[in-house]
């Protein structure tokens, strides 16, 4: 598309884009510096979880996020439980701090409005299946032709290219193809699936980091660029030992799932407490003697069965029985914790979600945070995981109703008047909803 744009038109668009960028950085609600990304404007074509995580992090850091919700129903995350009176707590968690523009991008008028908005933004994020954004008429060739300084980011399950790229996908599909699911569970049973979207959320965080670095590059060079990542890319990078182990040993050492205990480091795993499960990590040579002392058997540190790393792995079952026997002999969990802590043995009680939400450490650090939603009332959500010394811990953010900011966005950015906005709503180009 860029190749068929005449140079005078392109120069004009660049001038408008740069003028718009300066304007939005000097005026309006971005004038007061509330957080590190104040002054940056994001156009957000994401739904469900991985993409919304990316833009949620940017919103938490102060960016103005314009969430494009496809008319008439918007982000399908609005229907994920818990839902009360049409309001989804899942949607609230993923979309606090964003502005909702519900628009029919397939309508020529809708697409034209989006292209005008692209002139006024710094970043565009999408997580449709590969090829969809291009078929909408908003591929990077078009977008960068309109605004050469834009950073565009695509998030997908399996990547924008390659034999698998066109397959529909979700978090666990990326985990399955990456060999991650095969490492979860017990060796004599089928693999298990994690009961949370680790890939979606961590891939969203990777994408946010890529956007930040691309903006840093733009500040230095004046040039935008296209960045992409996928759940599969990120999931495969999580193999801390399995890939190098298999490759460097030429297949003589093979990673395998090992239930509640690590297959390569011992003792590292979950033991039965009194009654709560307990994670003990004492597999390193410097940690093993500390555990031996804690369980009252310091001589085991020099026992030839357990002296070296691979000795402990070879005799893992016997070693685990010794540790479990000590745990069984203790009067209760608190005594276990005090003994391990006194000997500097790394451990943690395996908390349930409910227990974690009540844990004083998490609450003091606002990892568990109470927020207020105008429809759901007070609810607890995970806190923003990053901290900046120059900015406040949390911004006061609220999730939008469907199309809540249609008029605000089109009036402020494109100078449309109320009559024109009403006409677009009547024609179905714009939509709004109560929740």
Protein backbone atom coordinates (compact mmCIF):
# COMPACT_ATOMS: atom_id res chain seq x y z
CA UNK A 1 0.00 0.00 0.00
CA UNK A 2 2.83 2.37 0.81
CA UNK A 3 4.18 2.00 -2.72
CA UNK A 4 1.00 3.37 -4.33
CA UNK A 5 0.73 6.43 -2.03
CA UNK A 6 1.86 9.59 -3.80
CA UNK A 7 4.68 11.49 -2.10
CA UNK A 8 2.74 14.76 -1.66
CA UNK A 9 -0.12 12.90 0.03
CA UNK A 10 2.32 10.96 2.20
CA UNK A 11 4.13 14.16 3.18
CA UNK A 12 0.80 15.73 4.09
CA UNK A 13 -0.19 12.76 6.21
CA UNK A 14 3.16 12.78 7.99
CA UNK A 15 2.73 16.48 8.74
CA UNK A 16 -0.76 15.89 10.15
CA UNK A 17 0.43 12.90 12.18
CA UNK A 18 3.34 14.80 13.70
CA UNK A 19 1.16 17.82 14.37
CA UNK A 20 -1.43 15.62 16.07
CA UNK A 21 1.24 13.94 18.16
CA UNK A 22 2.57 17.27 19.40
CA UNK A 23 -0.95 18.48 20.10
CA UNK A 24 -1.92 15.49 22.22
CA UNK A 25 1.30 15.70 24.20
CA UNK A 26 0.85 19.40 24.99
CA UNK A 27 -2.85 19.61 25.74
CA UNK A 28 -5.73 17.88 27.42
CA UNK A 29 -5.68 15.30 30.23
CA UNK A 30 -2.11 14.26 29.42
CA UNK A 31 -0.73 17.56 30.69
CA UNK A 32 -0.21 16.36 34.25
CA UNK A 33 2.36 13.59 34.51
CA UNK A 34 0.62 10.88 36.48
CA UNK A 35 2.80 8.01 35.28
CA UNK A 36 5.68 7.05 33.04
CA UNK A 37 3.70 6.70 29.77
CA UNK A 38 1.60 9.85 30.10
CA UNK A 39 1.47 11.54 26.71
CA UNK A 40 1.42 8.34 24.68
CA UNK A 41 -1.77 7.28 22.90
CA UNK A 42 -2.52 3.63 22.10
CA UNK A 43 -5.03 2.29 19.56
CA UNK A 44 -6.12 -1.07 20.94
CA UNK A 45 -7.66 -3.72 18.67
CA UNK A 46 -7.42 -6.53 21.22
CA UNK A 47 -9.87 -8.87 22.91
CA UNK A 48 -9.97 -11.71 25.44
CA UNK A 49 -6.64 -11.79 27.31
CA UNK A 50 -3.16 -11.74 25.72
CA UNK A 51 -3.63 -8.48 23.81
CA UNK A 52 -5.71 -6.80 26.53
CA UNK A 53 -2.92 -7.64 29.00
CA UNK A 54 -0.50 -5.69 26.80
CA UNK A 55 -2.68 -2.61 26.69
CA UNK A 56 -3.72 -2.96 30.34
CA UNK A 57 -0.09 -2.69 31.37
CA UNK A 58 0.31 0.39 29.17
CA UNK A 59 -2.83 1.93 30.71
CA UNK A 60 -1.52 1.17 34.22
CA UNK A 61 1.59 3.16 33.25
CA UNK A 62 -0.48 6.16 32.23
CA UNK A 63 -0.92 5.75 28.47
CA UNK A 64 -4.22 6.82 26.91
CA UNK A 65 -5.66 3.58 25.53
CA UNK A 66 -8.47 3.77 22.97
CA UNK A 67 -10.01 0.32 22.88
CA UNK A 68 -11.66 -0.43 19.55
CA UNK A 69 -14.59 -2.78 20.15
CA UNK A 70 -16.14 -4.21 17.03
CA UNK A 71 -19.83 -3.34 16.73
CA UNK A 72 -22.30 -4.44 17.81
CA UNK A 73 -21.13 -6.63 20.76
CA UNK A 74 -17.53 -5.55 21.40
CA UNK A 75 -14.86 -7.59 23.19
CA UNK A 76 -16.13 -11.11 23.94
CA UNK A 77 -14.32 -10.80 27.24
CA UNK A 78 -17.47 -8.95 28.33
CA UNK A 79 -19.22 -12.33 28.57
CA UNK A 80 -16.63 -14.27 30.60
CA UNK A 81 -17.65 -15.03 34.23
CA UNK A 82 -18.06 -13.67 36.77
CA UNK A 83 -20.97 -11.70 35.22
CA UNK A 84 -23.48 -9.77 37.33
CA UNK A 85 -26.29 -7.80 35.74
CA UNK A 86 -24.45 -7.81 32.41
CA UNK A 87 -21.11 -6.63 33.86
CA UNK A 88 -18.13 -9.01 33.61
CA UNK A 89 -15.50 -8.90 36.37
CA UNK A 90 -13.09 -10.53 33.89
CA UNK A 91 -13.57 -7.64 31.47
CA UNK A 92 -13.16 -5.13 34.29
CA UNK A 93 -9.85 -6.70 35.34
CA UNK A 94 -8.39 -6.65 31.84
CA UNK A 95 -9.66 -3.28 30.67
CA UNK A 96 -9.49 -0.79 33.51
CA UNK A 97 -8.25 2.59 32.38
CA UNK A 98 -9.20 2.16 28.72
CA UNK A 99 -11.61 4.17 26.60
CA UNK A 100 -14.16 2.22 24.55
CA UNK A 101 -14.93 3.15 20.94
CA UNK A 102 -17.45 0.65 19.56
CA UNK A 103 -17.36 0.91 15.79
CA UNK A 104 -18.14 -1.11 12.67
CA UNK A 105 -14.75 -1.25 10.95
CA UNK A 106 -16.29 -3.08 7.98
CA UNK A 107 -18.38 -0.03 7.17
CA UNK A 108 -16.50 2.42 4.92
CA UNK A 109 -17.31 5.29 7.30
CA UNK A 110 -15.99 3.29 10.24
CA UNK A 111 -12.75 2.37 8.50
CA UNK A 112 -12.24 5.99 7.44
CA UNK A 113 -12.62 7.14 11.04
CA UNK A 114 -10.08 4.58 12.25
CA UNK A 115 -7.57 5.73 9.65
CA UNK A 116 -7.97 9.32 10.83
CA UNK A 117 -7.39 8.22 14.42
CA UNK A 118 -4.23 6.34 13.35
CA UNK A 119 -2.72 9.71 12.44
CA UNK A 120 -3.06 10.73 16.10
CA UNK A 121 -1.66 7.69 17.96
CA UNK A 122 1.77 6.42 18.92
CA UNK A 123 1.04 2.68 19.09
CA UNK A 124 -1.45 0.24 17.59
CA UNK A 125 -1.92 -3.24 19.11
CA UNK A 126 -3.94 -6.14 17.69
CA UNK A 127 -4.37 -9.82 18.53
CA UNK A 128 -6.65 -11.10 15.79
CA UNK A 129 -5.78 -14.30 13.95
CA UNK A 130 -2.94 -13.63 11.46
CA UNK A 131 -4.20 -11.89 8.34
CA UNK A 132 -7.42 -10.53 9.84
CA UNK A 133 -6.11 -7.01 10.49
CA UNK A 134 -4.83 -6.88 6.91
CA UNK A 135 -8.20 -7.94 5.52
CA UNK A 136 -9.76 -5.15 7.55
CA UNK A 137 -7.58 -2.79 5.56
CA UNK A 138 -5.33 -2.01 8.52
CA UNK A 139 -2.17 -4.03 7.93
CA UNK A 140 1.17 -2.49 8.80
CA UNK A 141 1.78 -1.39 5.21
CA UNK A 142 -1.37 0.75 5.38
CA UNK A 143 -0.92 1.91 8.95
CA UNK A 144 2.72 2.96 8.55
CA UNK A 145 1.83 4.70 5.30
CA UNK A 146 -0.62 6.84 7.24
CA UNK A 147 1.67 7.37 10.24
CA UNK A 148 5.35 6.45 9.69
CA UNK A 149 6.14 7.03 13.37
CA UNK A 150 3.64 4.48 14.61
CA UNK A 151 4.70 1.35 16.50
CA UNK A 152 2.38 -1.51 15.56
CA UNK A 153 2.34 -4.72 17.60
CA UNK A 154 0.68 -8.03 16.72
CA UNK A 155 0.10 -10.73 19.33
CA UNK A 156 -1.00 -14.21 18.22
CA UNK A 157 -1.01 -17.82 19.38
CA UNK A 158 1.38 -19.37 16.86
CA UNK A 159 2.97 -16.41 15.11
CA UNK A 160 2.34 -14.31 11.99
CA UNK A 161 4.23 -16.73 9.72
CA UNK A 162 5.08 -20.41 9.47
CA UNK A 163 3.11 -23.59 8.68
CA UNK A 164 0.92 -23.32 11.80
CA UNK A 165 0.25 -19.60 11.75
CA UNK A 166 -3.26 -19.71 10.27
CA UNK A 167 -4.61 -22.16 12.82
CA UNK A 168 -7.00 -20.80 15.46
CA UNK A 169 -5.45 -20.88 18.87
CA UNK A 170 -5.59 -20.12 22.56
CA UNK A 171 -3.16 -20.22 25.47
CA UNK A 172 -2.96 -23.98 25.97
CA UNK A 173 -2.47 -24.63 22.25
CA UNK A 174 0.72 -22.58 22.43
CA UNK A 175 1.76 -24.53 25.53
CA UNK A 176 1.06 -27.84 23.80
CA UNK A 177 3.14 -27.03 20.70
CA UNK A 178 5.98 -25.64 22.84
CA UNK A 179 6.46 -28.90 24.75
CA UNK A 180 5.35 -27.18 27.96
CA UNK A 181 2.27 -29.29 28.66
CA UNK A 182 4.35 -32.43 28.26
CA UNK A 183 6.38 -31.34 31.30
CA UNK A 184 3.31 -30.94 33.56
CA UNK A 185 1.95 -33.86 35.55
CA UNK A 186 3.14 -37.38 36.32
CA UNK A 187 5.23 -39.57 34.05
CA UNK A 188 2.74 -42.47 34.10
CA UNK A 189 -0.33 -40.33 33.35
CA UNK A 190 -1.41 -37.88 30.63
CA UNK A 191 -0.08 -34.33 30.97
CA UNK A 192 -2.18 -31.83 32.88
CA UNK A 193 -3.19 -28.30 31.97
CA UNK A 194 -2.50 -25.23 34.14
CA UNK A 195 -5.67 -23.69 35.54
CA UNK A 196 -4.59 -20.17 34.63
CA UNK A 197 -3.54 -18.36 31.46
CA UNK A 198 0.18 -18.10 32.12
CA UNK A 199 0.99 -17.85 28.40
CA UNK A 200 -1.58 -15.17 27.63
CA UNK A 201 -0.52 -12.89 30.46
CA UNK A 202 3.23 -13.38 30.09
CA UNK A 203 3.03 -12.93 26.31
CA UNK A 204 1.12 -9.71 26.92
CA UNK A 205 3.94 -8.56 29.19
CA UNK A 206 6.53 -9.48 26.52
CA UNK A 207 4.57 -7.47 23.97
CA UNK A 208 4.38 -4.45 26.29
CA UNK A 209 8.17 -4.61 26.72
CA UNK A 210 8.69 -4.78 22.95
CA UNK A 211 6.46 -1.74 22.48
CA UNK A 212 8.42 0.19 25.10
CA UNK A 213 11.74 -0.59 23.42
CA UNK A 214 10.32 0.28 20.00
CA UNK A 215 9.19 3.65 21.38
CA UNK A 216 12.67 4.20 22.81
CA UNK A 217 14.10 3.47 19.35
CA UNK A 218 11.62 5.91 17.84
CA UNK A 219 12.69 8.62 20.28
CA UNK A 220 16.25 8.15 19.04
CA UNK A 221 15.57 7.78 15.31
CA UNK A 222 12.11 9.19 14.62
CA UNK A 223 11.07 5.90 12.98
CA UNK A 224 8.25 3.62 14.00
CA UNK A 225 8.28 -0.12 13.34
CA UNK A 226 6.33 -3.36 13.44
CA UNK A 227 6.83 -5.80 16.31
CA UNK A 228 5.20 -9.15 16.93
CA UNK A 229 5.27 -11.99 19.38
CA UNK A 230 3.26 -15.13 19.97
CA UNK A 231 2.31 -17.42 22.81
CA UNK A 232 4.30 -20.21 21.17
CA UNK A 233 7.41 -18.03 20.89
CA UNK A 234 7.16 -17.03 24.53
CA UNK A 235 6.20 -20.44 25.87
CA UNK A 236 9.16 -22.16 24.19
CA UNK A 237 11.52 -19.58 25.68
CA UNK A 238 10.40 -20.67 29.18
CA UNK A 239 12.37 -23.93 28.91
CA UNK A 240 15.14 -23.06 31.32
CA UNK A 241 16.89 -26.43 31.15
CA UNK A 242 15.04 -28.94 28.98
CA UNK A 243 16.14 -27.74 25.52
CA UNK A 244 19.82 -27.30 26.29
CA UNK A 245 19.85 -30.56 28.24
CA UNK A 246 18.43 -32.56 25.36
CA UNK A 247 20.53 -30.85 22.70
CA UNK A 248 23.90 -30.64 24.44
CA UNK A 249 23.70 -34.24 25.67
CA UNK A 250 22.76 -35.43 22.15
CA UNK A 251 19.65 -37.02 23.57
CA UNK A 252 21.34 -39.03 26.30
CA UNK A 253 19.61 -36.88 28.94
CA UNK A 254 15.88 -36.41 28.39
CA UNK A 255 13.57 -34.08 30.30
CA UNK A 256 10.41 -35.68 31.67
CA UNK A 257 7.44 -34.71 33.80
CA UNK A 258 7.85 -35.77 37.38
CA UNK A 259 4.69 -34.85 39.22
CA UNK A 260 5.26 -32.80 42.36
CA UNK A 261 9.05 -32.94 42.19
CA UNK A 262 11.69 -31.57 39.81
CA UNK A 263 13.16 -34.18 37.51
CA UNK A 264 16.68 -32.68 37.43
CA UNK A 265 17.23 -31.13 40.88
CA UNK A 266 16.69 -32.89 44.20
CA UNK A 267 15.24 -32.15 46.65
CA UNK A 268 13.01 -29.64 44.91
CA UNK A 269 9.32 -30.35 45.19
CA UNK A 270 6.08 -30.39 47.10
CA UNK A 271 5.88 -32.49 50.26
CA UNK A 272 2.94 -33.27 52.55
CA UNK A 273 2.77 -30.93 55.53
CA UNK A 274 0.63 -30.95 58.67
CA UNK A 275 -1.80 -30.56 56.85
CA UNK A 276 -0.83 -27.97 54.20
CA UNK A 277 1.43 -28.98 51.30
CA UNK A 278 4.87 -27.40 51.48
CA UNK A 279 7.38 -26.57 48.74
CA UNK A 280 11.02 -27.19 49.68
CA UNK A 281 13.91 -26.12 47.45
CA UNK A 282 17.25 -27.49 48.65
CA UNK A 283 18.76 -29.06 45.54
CA UNK A 284 21.87 -26.91 45.20
CA UNK A 285 25.06 -28.16 46.84
CA UNK A 286 25.12 -25.15 49.17
CA UNK A 287 21.46 -25.65 50.20
CA UNK A 288 21.47 -29.40 50.80
CA UNK A 289 23.58 -29.23 54.01
CA UNK A 290 21.16 -26.62 55.40
CA UNK A 291 18.23 -29.02 54.99
CA UNK A 292 20.25 -31.86 56.51
CA UNK A 293 20.86 -29.72 59.56
CA UNK A 294 17.21 -28.67 59.76
CA UNK A 295 15.92 -32.26 59.80
CA UNK A 296 18.50 -33.26 62.45
CA UNK A 297 20.66 -35.38 60.12
CA UNK A 298 23.74 -33.25 59.29
CA UNK A 299 25.68 -36.41 58.40
CA UNK A 300 23.57 -36.86 55.25
CA UNK A 301 25.41 -33.94 53.65
CA UNK A 302 28.47 -36.20 53.30
CA UNK A 303 26.60 -39.43 52.62
CA UNK A 304 27.88 -40.72 49.23
CA UNK A 305 24.28 -41.39 48.14
CA UNK A 306 23.47 -37.69 48.41
CA UNK A 307 26.75 -35.76 48.41
CA UNK A 308 26.69 -34.43 44.82
CA UNK A 309 23.96 -33.04 42.63
CA UNK A 310 23.60 -36.11 40.41
CA UNK A 311 23.97 -38.42 43.42
CA UNK A 312 20.82 -36.90 44.88
CA UNK A 313 18.98 -37.18 41.57
CA UNK A 314 19.97 -40.86 41.26
CA UNK A 315 18.69 -41.58 44.77
CA UNK A 316 15.80 -39.15 44.71
CA UNK A 317 13.10 -41.48 45.96
CA UNK A 318 15.10 -42.51 49.03
CA UNK A 319 16.01 -38.89 49.77
CA UNK A 320 12.40 -37.72 49.48
CA UNK A 321 11.28 -40.42 51.90
CA UNK A 322 13.80 -39.20 54.47
CA UNK A 323 12.55 -35.62 54.19
CA UNK A 324 8.91 -36.72 54.33
CA UNK A 325 9.55 -38.83 57.43
CA UNK A 326 10.92 -35.75 59.19
CA UNK A 327 7.89 -33.70 58.14
CA UNK A 328 5.58 -36.44 59.43
CA UNK A 329 7.36 -36.42 62.78
CA UNK A 330 6.78 -32.71 63.36
CA UNK A 331 3.82 -31.59 65.52
CA UNK A 332 2.47 -29.05 62.99
CA UNK A 333 3.10 -26.74 60.07
CA UNK A 334 4.19 -23.77 62.16
CA UNK A 335 6.96 -25.81 63.78
CA UNK A 336 8.07 -26.99 60.32
CA UNK A 337 8.18 -23.42 59.01
CA UNK A 338 10.12 -22.12 62.02
CA UNK A 339 12.72 -24.90 61.74
CA UNK A 340 13.27 -24.42 58.01
CA UNK A 341 13.44 -20.66 58.38
CA UNK A 342 15.91 -20.87 61.25
CA UNK A 343 18.20 -22.93 59.02
CA UNK A 344 17.73 -20.69 55.94
CA UNK A 345 16.15 -23.46 53.90
CA UNK A 346 14.07 -22.01 51.02
CA UNK A 347 10.46 -23.12 51.44
CA UNK A 348 6.90 -21.90 51.00
CA UNK A 349 3.50 -23.14 52.08
CA UNK A 350 1.43 -24.04 49.01
CA UNK A 351 -1.42 -21.60 49.42
CA UNK A 352 -4.84 -21.83 47.83
CA UNK A 353 -6.05 -18.80 45.89
CA UNK A 354 -8.24 -17.88 48.86
CA UNK A 355 -5.29 -18.16 51.25
CA UNK A 356 -3.07 -16.10 48.95
CA UNK A 357 -5.70 -13.36 48.83
CA UNK A 358 -5.58 -13.19 52.65
CA UNK A 359 -1.78 -13.34 52.92
CA UNK A 360 -0.61 -10.17 54.76
CA UNK A 361 2.51 -9.80 52.60
CA UNK A 362 0.48 -9.73 49.38
CA UNK A 363 -2.00 -7.27 50.83
CA UNK A 364 0.63 -4.92 52.24
CA UNK A 365 2.37 -4.76 48.85
CA UNK A 366 -0.98 -4.29 47.08
CA UNK A 367 -0.45 -7.44 45.04
CA UNK A 368 -4.01 -8.12 46.15
CA UNK A 369 -5.79 -4.84 45.56
CA UNK A 370 -9.34 -3.70 46.31
CA UNK A 371 -10.87 -1.61 43.54
CA UNK A 372 -14.30 -0.12 43.04
CA UNK A 373 -16.41 -0.67 39.94
CA UNK A 374 -19.52 1.44 39.40
CA UNK A 375 -21.59 -1.68 38.62
CA UNK A 376 -19.93 -4.50 40.58
CA UNK A 377 -19.04 -2.45 43.63
CA UNK A 378 -15.83 -3.32 45.49
CA UNK A 379 -13.86 -6.32 44.28
CA UNK A 380 -10.34 -7.62 44.68
CA UNK A 381 -8.01 -7.87 41.69
CA UNK A 382 -4.32 -8.59 41.15
CA UNK A 383 -2.33 -5.39 41.57
CA UNK A 384 -0.09 -3.81 38.94
CA UNK A 385 3.14 -5.86 39.19
CA UNK A 386 5.62 -3.07 38.35
CA UNK A 387 6.91 -0.31 40.60
CA UNK A 388 8.52 2.98 39.59
CA UNK A 389 10.25 5.21 42.12
CA UNK A 390 9.11 8.41 40.41
CA UNK A 391 5.43 7.51 40.11
CA UNK A 392 2.55 6.36 42.27
CA UNK A 393 1.87 2.67 42.79
CA UNK A 394 -1.61 2.54 41.25
CA UNK A 395 -3.66 4.91 39.13
CA UNK A 396 -7.38 5.32 39.80
CA UNK A 397 -8.75 3.54 36.73
CA UNK A 398 -12.17 2.30 35.64
CA UNK A 399 -13.28 -0.12 32.93
CA UNK A 400 -15.52 1.38 30.23
CA UNK A 401 -19.01 0.44 29.23
CA UNK A 402 -19.41 -0.57 25.58
CA UNK A 403 -18.86 2.47 23.37
CA UNK A 404 -18.81 4.77 26.40
CA UNK A 405 -16.23 7.08 24.87
CA UNK A 406 -17.52 7.20 21.29
CA UNK A 407 -18.40 10.87 21.45
CA UNK A 408 -15.40 11.93 23.55
CA UNK A 409 -12.89 10.32 21.20
CA UNK A 410 -14.46 11.44 17.94
CA UNK A 411 -15.08 14.97 19.21
CA UNK A 412 -11.61 15.50 20.72
CA UNK A 413 -9.48 13.74 18.12
CA UNK A 414 -11.46 14.23 14.91
CA UNK A 415 -13.56 17.30 15.80
CA UNK A 416 -16.84 15.62 14.86
CA UNK A 417 -19.91 17.40 16.16
CA UNK A 418 -22.77 15.78 18.06
CA UNK A 419 -25.09 15.70 15.03
CA UNK A 420 -22.56 13.76 12.98
CA UNK A 421 -21.97 11.33 15.83
CA UNK A 422 -25.73 10.76 16.18
CA UNK A 423 -25.91 10.06 12.43
CA UNK A 424 -23.13 7.45 12.73
CA UNK A 425 -24.94 5.81 15.63
CA UNK A 426 -28.23 5.74 13.71
CA UNK A 427 -26.46 4.16 10.74
CA UNK A 428 -24.96 1.42 12.95
CA UNK A 429 -21.38 2.60 12.40
CA UNK A 430 -21.14 3.31 16.13
CA UNK A 431 -22.74 1.29 18.92
CA UNK A 432 -23.15 1.62 22.66
CA UNK A 433 -24.21 -0.66 25.49
CA UNK A 434 -25.29 -0.30 29.11
CA UNK A 435 -22.41 -2.36 30.51
